[in-house]
Amino acid sequence: GLQSSLTHAEEKIAQLDAQIARKQE
């Protein structure tokens, strides 16, 4: 269960990082 939650948290962080990178271009 913790691994599943970790995967989702890491996916959200990756989405945010991509969103931030797009805005800075």
PDB file of all heavy atoms in Angstrom:
ATOM      1  N   GLY A   1       0.818  -1.208   0.000  1.00  0.00           N
ATOM      2  CA  GLY A   1       0.000   0.000   0.000  1.00  0.00           C
ATOM      3  C   GLY A   1       0.852   1.258   0.000  1.00  0.00           C
ATOM      4  O   GLY A   1       0.537   2.236  -0.697  1.00  0.00           O
ATOM      5  N   LEU A   2       1.927   1.232   0.769  1.00  0.00           N
ATOM      6  CA  LEU A   2       2.827   2.390   0.806  1.00  0.00           C
ATOM      7  C   LEU A   2       3.528   2.594  -0.534  1.00  0.00           C
ATOM      8  O   LEU A   2       3.698   3.729  -0.990  1.00  0.00           O
ATOM      9  CB  LEU A   2       3.861   2.214   1.928  1.00  0.00           C
ATOM     10  CG  LEU A   2       3.315   2.275   3.356  1.00  0.00           C
ATOM     11  CD1 LEU A   2       4.390   1.842   4.348  1.00  0.00           C
ATOM     12  CD2 LEU A   2       2.821   3.668   3.679  1.00  0.00           C
ATOM     13  N   GLN A   3       3.918   1.500  -1.168  1.00  0.00           N
ATOM     14  CA  GLN A   3       4.559   1.587  -2.484  1.00  0.00           C
ATOM     15  C   GLN A   3       3.610   2.212  -3.507  1.00  0.00           C
ATOM     16  O   GLN A   3       4.018   3.028  -4.329  1.00  0.00           O
ATOM     17  CB  GLN A   3       5.007   0.200  -2.971  1.00  0.00           C
ATOM     18  CG  GLN A   3       6.204  -0.346  -2.267  1.00  0.00           C
ATOM     19  CD  GLN A   3       7.512   0.299  -2.726  1.00  0.00           C
ATOM     20  OE1 GLN A   3       7.526   1.235  -3.495  1.00  0.00           O
ATOM     21  NE2 GLN A   3       8.611  -0.206  -2.214  1.00  0.00           N
ATOM     22  N   SER A   4       2.348   1.817  -3.446  1.00  0.00           N
ATOM     23  CA  SER A   4       1.346   2.372  -4.358  1.00  0.00           C
ATOM     24  C   SER A   4       1.190   3.876  -4.137  1.00  0.00           C
ATOM     25  O   SER A   4       1.165   4.654  -5.095  1.00  0.00           O
ATOM     26  CB  SER A   4       0.006   1.661  -4.155  1.00  0.00           C
ATOM     27  OG  SER A   4      -0.983   2.242  -4.975  1.00  0.00           O
ATOM     28  N   SER A   5       1.113   4.278  -2.889  1.00  0.00           N
ATOM     29  CA  SER A   5       1.001   5.706  -2.570  1.00  0.00           C
ATOM     30  C   SER A   5       2.245   6.464  -3.009  1.00  0.00           C
ATOM     31  O   SER A   5       2.151   7.581  -3.523  1.00  0.00           O
ATOM     32  CB  SER A   5       0.790   5.899  -1.070  1.00  0.00           C
ATOM     33  OG  SER A   5      -0.440   5.326  -0.671  1.00  0.00           O
ATOM     34  N   LEU A   6       3.407   5.854  -2.837  1.00  0.00           N
ATOM     35  CA  LEU A   6       4.661   6.467  -3.246  1.00  0.00           C
ATOM     36  C   LEU A   6       4.690   6.678  -4.761  1.00  0.00           C
ATOM     37  O   LEU A   6       5.096   7.744  -5.236  1.00  0.00           O
ATOM     38  CB  LEU A   6       5.842   5.600  -2.806  1.00  0.00           C
ATOM     39  CG  LEU A   6       7.224   6.069  -3.229  1.00  0.00           C
ATOM     40  CD1 LEU A   6       7.546   7.427  -2.625  1.00  0.00           C
ATOM     41  CD2 LEU A   6       8.282   5.038  -2.830  1.00  0.00           C
ATOM     42  N   THR A   7       4.247   5.681  -5.503  1.00  0.00           N
ATOM     43  CA  THR A   7       4.205   5.792  -6.960  1.00  0.00           C
ATOM     44  C   THR A   7       3.331   6.963  -7.389  1.00  0.00           C
ATOM     45  O   THR A   7       3.716   7.759  -8.255  1.00  0.00           O
ATOM     46  CB  THR A   7       3.680   4.482  -7.593  1.00  0.00           C
ATOM     47  OG1 THR A   7       4.571   3.418  -7.232  1.00  0.00           O
ATOM     48  CG2 THR A   7       3.583   4.578  -9.093  1.00  0.00           C
ATOM     49  N   HIS A   8       2.161   7.103  -6.780  1.00  0.00           N
ATOM     50  CA  HIS A   8       1.250   8.201  -7.118  1.00  0.00           C
ATOM     51  C   HIS A   8       1.856   9.556  -6.753  1.00  0.00           C
ATOM     52  O   HIS A   8       1.735  10.521  -7.518  1.00  0.00           O
ATOM     53  CB  HIS A   8      -0.106   8.014  -6.447  1.00  0.00           C
ATOM     54  CG  HIS A   8      -0.879   6.863  -6.984  1.00  0.00           C
ATOM     55  ND1 HIS A   8      -1.372   6.813  -8.266  1.00  0.00           N
ATOM     56  CD2 HIS A   8      -1.248   5.697  -6.412  1.00  0.00           C
ATOM     57  CE1 HIS A   8      -2.006   5.681  -8.468  1.00  0.00           C
ATOM     58  NE2 HIS A   8      -1.941   4.964  -7.337  1.00  0.00           N
ATOM     59  N   ALA A   9       2.507   9.646  -5.620  1.00  0.00           N
ATOM     60  CA  ALA A   9       3.136  10.912  -5.202  1.00  0.00           C
ATOM     61  C   ALA A   9       4.250  11.289  -6.172  1.00  0.00           C
ATOM     62  O   ALA A   9       4.369  12.456  -6.576  1.00  0.00           O
ATOM     63  CB  ALA A   9       3.674  10.795  -3.781  1.00  0.00           C
ATOM     64  N   GLU A  10       5.058  10.322  -6.572  1.00  0.00           N
ATOM     65  CA  GLU A  10       6.139  10.593  -7.508  1.00  0.00           C
ATOM     66  C   GLU A  10       5.607  11.003  -8.879  1.00  0.00           C
ATOM     67  O   GLU A  10       6.181  11.862  -9.543  1.00  0.00           O
ATOM     68  CB  GLU A  10       7.069   9.387  -7.619  1.00  0.00           C
ATOM     69  CG  GLU A  10       7.906   9.193  -6.365  1.00  0.00           C
ATOM     70  CD  GLU A  10       8.752   7.938  -6.385  1.00  0.00           C
ATOM     71  OE1 GLU A  10       8.415   6.984  -7.122  1.00  0.00           O
ATOM     72  OE2 GLU A  10       9.756   7.917  -5.654  1.00  0.00           O
ATOM     73  N   GLU A  11       4.487  10.402  -9.313  1.00  0.00           N
ATOM     74  CA  GLU A  11       3.864  10.789 -10.581  1.00  0.00           C
ATOM     75  C   GLU A  11       3.374  12.238 -10.524  1.00  0.00           C
ATOM     76  O   GLU A  11       3.547  12.996 -11.478  1.00  0.00           O
ATOM     77  CB  GLU A  11       2.698   9.858 -10.912  1.00  0.00           C
ATOM     78  CG  GLU A  11       3.126   8.475 -11.360  1.00  0.00           C
ATOM     79  CD  GLU A  11       1.959   7.508 -11.509  1.00  0.00           C
ATOM     80  OE1 GLU A  11       0.796   7.894 -11.243  1.00  0.00           O
ATOM     81  OE2 GLU A  11       2.208   6.348 -11.887  1.00  0.00           O
ATOM     82  N   LYS A  12       2.770  12.622  -9.414  1.00  0.00           N
ATOM     83  CA  LYS A  12       2.280  14.002  -9.249  1.00  0.00           C
ATOM     84  C   LYS A  12       3.442  14.990  -9.262  1.00  0.00           C
ATOM     85  O   LYS A  12       3.352  16.056  -9.874  1.00  0.00           O
ATOM     86  CB  LYS A  12       1.475  14.159  -7.961  1.00  0.00           C
ATOM     87  CG  LYS A  12       0.100  13.550  -8.026  1.00  0.00           C
ATOM     88  CD  LYS A  12      -0.744  14.302  -9.017  1.00  0.00           C
ATOM     89  CE  LYS A  12      -2.125  13.700  -9.090  1.00  0.00           C
ATOM     90  NZ  LYS A  12      -2.942  14.293 -10.139  1.00  0.00           N
ATOM     91  N   ILE A  13       4.528  14.639  -8.597  1.00  0.00           N
ATOM     92  CA  ILE A  13       5.701  15.514  -8.591  1.00  0.00           C
ATOM     93  C   ILE A  13       6.253  15.656 -10.010  1.00  0.00           C
ATOM     94  O   ILE A  13       6.601  16.760 -10.446  1.00  0.00           O
ATOM     95  CB  ILE A  13       6.774  14.988  -7.616  1.00  0.00           C
ATOM     96  CG1 ILE A  13       6.276  15.128  -6.172  1.00  0.00           C
ATOM     97  CG2 ILE A  13       8.097  15.727  -7.804  1.00  0.00           C
ATOM     98  CD1 ILE A  13       7.138  14.430  -5.143  1.00  0.00           C
ATOM     99  N   ALA A  14       6.314  14.564 -10.751  1.00  0.00           N
ATOM    100  CA  ALA A  14       6.806  14.599 -12.133  1.00  0.00           C
ATOM    101  C   ALA A  14       5.896  15.459 -13.001  1.00  0.00           C
ATOM    102  O   ALA A  14       6.375  16.231 -13.847  1.00  0.00           O
ATOM    103  CB  ALA A  14       6.913  13.188 -12.701  1.00  0.00           C
ATOM    104  N   GLN A  15       4.574  15.352 -12.812  1.00  0.00           N
ATOM    105  CA  GLN A  15       3.630  16.183 -13.564  1.00  0.00           C
ATOM    106  C   GLN A  15       3.843  17.659 -13.256  1.00  0.00           C
ATOM    107  O   GLN A  15       3.844  18.496 -14.160  1.00  0.00           O
ATOM    108  CB  GLN A  15       2.189  15.792 -13.237  1.00  0.00           C
ATOM    109  CG  GLN A  15       1.754  14.465 -13.788  1.00  0.00           C
ATOM    110  CD  GLN A  15       0.381  14.046 -13.265  1.00  0.00           C
ATOM    111  OE1 GLN A  15      -0.277  14.784 -12.546  1.00  0.00           O
ATOM    112  NE2 GLN A  15      -0.034  12.841 -13.619  1.00  0.00           N
ATOM    113  N   LEU A  16       4.023  17.979 -11.981  1.00  0.00           N
ATOM    114  CA  LEU A  16       4.255  19.367 -11.592  1.00  0.00           C
ATOM    115  C   LEU A  16       5.559  19.891 -12.174  1.00  0.00           C
ATOM    116  O   LEU A  16       5.612  21.027 -12.656  1.00  0.00           O
ATOM    117  CB  LEU A  16       4.284  19.502 -10.074  1.00  0.00           C
ATOM    118  CG  LEU A  16       2.935  19.571  -9.385  1.00  0.00           C
ATOM    119  CD1 LEU A  16       3.129  19.620  -7.872  1.00  0.00           C
ATOM    120  CD2 LEU A  16       2.150  20.770  -9.838  1.00  0.00           C
ATOM    121  N   ASP A  17       6.610  19.082 -12.124  1.00  0.00           N
ATOM    122  CA  ASP A  17       7.895  19.506 -12.679  1.00  0.00           C
ATOM    123  C   ASP A  17       7.770  19.778 -14.177  1.00  0.00           C
ATOM    124  O   ASP A  17       8.325  20.757 -14.684  1.00  0.00           O
ATOM    125  CB  ASP A  17       8.970  18.456 -12.402  1.00  0.00           C
ATOM    126  CG  ASP A  17       9.370  18.403 -10.931  1.00  0.00           C
ATOM    127  OD1 ASP A  17       9.037  19.355 -10.182  1.00  0.00           O
ATOM    128  OD2 ASP A  17      10.009  17.409 -10.537  1.00  0.00           O
ATOM    129  N   ALA A  18       7.040  18.932 -14.884  1.00  0.00           N
ATOM    130  CA  ALA A  18       6.835  19.141 -16.324  1.00  0.00           C
ATOM    131  C   ALA A  18       6.011  20.412 -16.567  1.00  0.00           C
ATOM    132  O   ALA A  18       6.308  21.183 -17.483  1.00  0.00           O
ATOM    133  CB  ALA A  18       6.129  17.932 -16.937  1.00  0.00           C
ATOM    134  N   GLN A  19       4.993  20.626 -15.746  1.00  0.00           N
ATOM    135  CA  GLN A  19       4.157  21.826 -15.865  1.00  0.00           C
ATOM    136  C   GLN A  19       4.989  23.086 -15.620  1.00  0.00           C
ATOM    137  O   GLN A  19       4.889  24.057 -16.368  1.00  0.00           O
ATOM    138  CB  GLN A  19       3.014  21.748 -14.857  1.00  0.00           C
ATOM    139  CG  GLN A  19       2.129  22.948 -14.805  1.00  0.00           C
ATOM    140  CD  GLN A  19       1.094  22.837 -13.674  1.00  0.00           C
ATOM    141  OE1 GLN A  19       0.883  21.773 -13.109  1.00  0.00           O
ATOM    142  NE2 GLN A  19       0.470  23.935 -13.356  1.00  0.00           N
ATOM    143  N   ILE A  20       5.827  23.059 -14.598  1.00  0.00           N
ATOM    144  CA  ILE A  20       6.684  24.206 -14.280  1.00  0.00           C
ATOM    145  C   ILE A  20       7.666  24.455 -15.418  1.00  0.00           C
ATOM    146  O   ILE A  20       7.893  25.594 -15.818  1.00  0.00           O
ATOM    147  CB  ILE A  20       7.413  23.974 -12.938  1.00  0.00           C
ATOM    148  CG1 ILE A  20       6.402  24.007 -11.788  1.00  0.00           C
ATOM    149  CG2 ILE A  20       8.513  25.002 -12.723  1.00  0.00           C
ATOM    150  CD1 ILE A  20       6.941  23.491 -10.462  1.00  0.00           C
ATOM    151  N   ALA A  21       8.246  23.395 -15.968  1.00  0.00           N
ATOM    152  CA  ALA A  21       9.203  23.532 -17.071  1.00  0.00           C
ATOM    153  C   ALA A  21       8.539  24.139 -18.297  1.00  0.00           C
ATOM    154  O   ALA A  21       9.118  24.994 -18.969  1.00  0.00           O
ATOM    155  CB  ALA A  21       9.816  22.181 -17.413  1.00  0.00           C
ATOM    156  N   ARG A  22       7.298  23.723 -18.590  1.00  0.00           N
ATOM    157  CA  ARG A  22       6.580  24.276 -19.747  1.00  0.00           C
ATOM    158  C   ARG A  22       6.322  25.763 -19.568  1.00  0.00           C
ATOM    159  O   ARG A  22       6.417  26.535 -20.506  1.00  0.00           O
ATOM    160  CB  ARG A  22       5.262  23.545 -19.961  1.00  0.00           C
ATOM    161  CG  ARG A  22       5.401  22.205 -20.641  1.00  0.00           C
ATOM    162  CD  ARG A  22       4.049  21.660 -21.094  1.00  0.00           C
ATOM    163  NE  ARG A  22       3.075  21.558 -20.020  1.00  0.00           N
ATOM    164  CZ  ARG A  22       2.924  20.513 -19.211  1.00  0.00           C
ATOM    165  NH1 ARG A  22       3.720  19.472 -19.351  1.00  0.00           N
ATOM    166  NH2 ARG A  22       2.008  20.499 -18.278  1.00  0.00           N
ATOM    167  N   LYS A  23       5.987  26.170 -18.364  1.00  0.00           N
ATOM    168  CA  LYS A  23       5.701  27.577 -18.109  1.00  0.00           C
ATOM    169  C   LYS A  23       6.946  28.443 -18.197  1.00  0.00           C
ATOM    170  O   LYS A  23       6.860  29.633 -18.476  1.00  0.00           O
ATOM    171  CB  LYS A  23       5.040  27.752 -16.741  1.00  0.00           C
ATOM    172  CG  LYS A  23       3.614  27.299 -16.724  1.00  0.00           C
ATOM    173  CD  LYS A  23       2.958  27.612 -15.403  1.00  0.00           C
ATOM    174  CE  LYS A  23       1.501  27.187 -15.438  1.00  0.00           C
ATOM    175  NZ  LYS A  23       0.812  27.518 -14.213  1.00  0.00           N
ATOM    176  N   GLN A  24       8.124  27.863 -17.964  1.00  0.00           N
ATOM    177  CA  GLN A  24       9.359  28.629 -17.986  1.00  0.00           C
ATOM    178  C   GLN A  24       9.944  28.752 -19.386  1.00  0.00           C
ATOM    179  O   GLN A  24      10.865  29.528 -19.590  1.00  0.00           O
ATOM    180  CB  GLN A  24      10.379  28.000 -17.034  1.00  0.00           C
ATOM    181  CG  GLN A  24       9.981  28.143 -15.585  1.00  0.00           C
ATOM    182  CD  GLN A  24      10.921  27.427 -14.643  1.00  0.00           C
ATOM    183  OE1 GLN A  24      11.749  26.636 -15.057  1.00  0.00           O
ATOM    184  NE2 GLN A  24      10.802  27.710 -13.363  1.00  0.00           N
ATOM    185  N   GLU A  25       9.429  27.988 -20.336  1.00  0.00           N
ATOM    186  CA  GLU A  25       9.935  28.065 -21.699  1.00  0.00           C
ATOM    187  C   GLU A  25       9.482  29.363 -22.348  1.00  0.00           C
ATOM    188  O   GLU A  25       8.358  29.810 -22.169  1.00  0.00           O
ATOM    189  CB  GLU A  25       9.425  26.890 -22.526  1.00  0.00           C
ATOM    190  CG  GLU A  25       9.998  25.553 -22.124  1.00  0.00           C
ATOM    191  CD  GLU A  25       9.435  24.410 -22.939  1.00  0.00           C
ATOM    192  OE1 GLU A  25       8.580  24.650 -23.817  1.00  0.00           O
ATOM    193  OE2 GLU A  25       9.839  23.269 -22.691  1.00  0.00           O
TER     194      GLU A  25
END
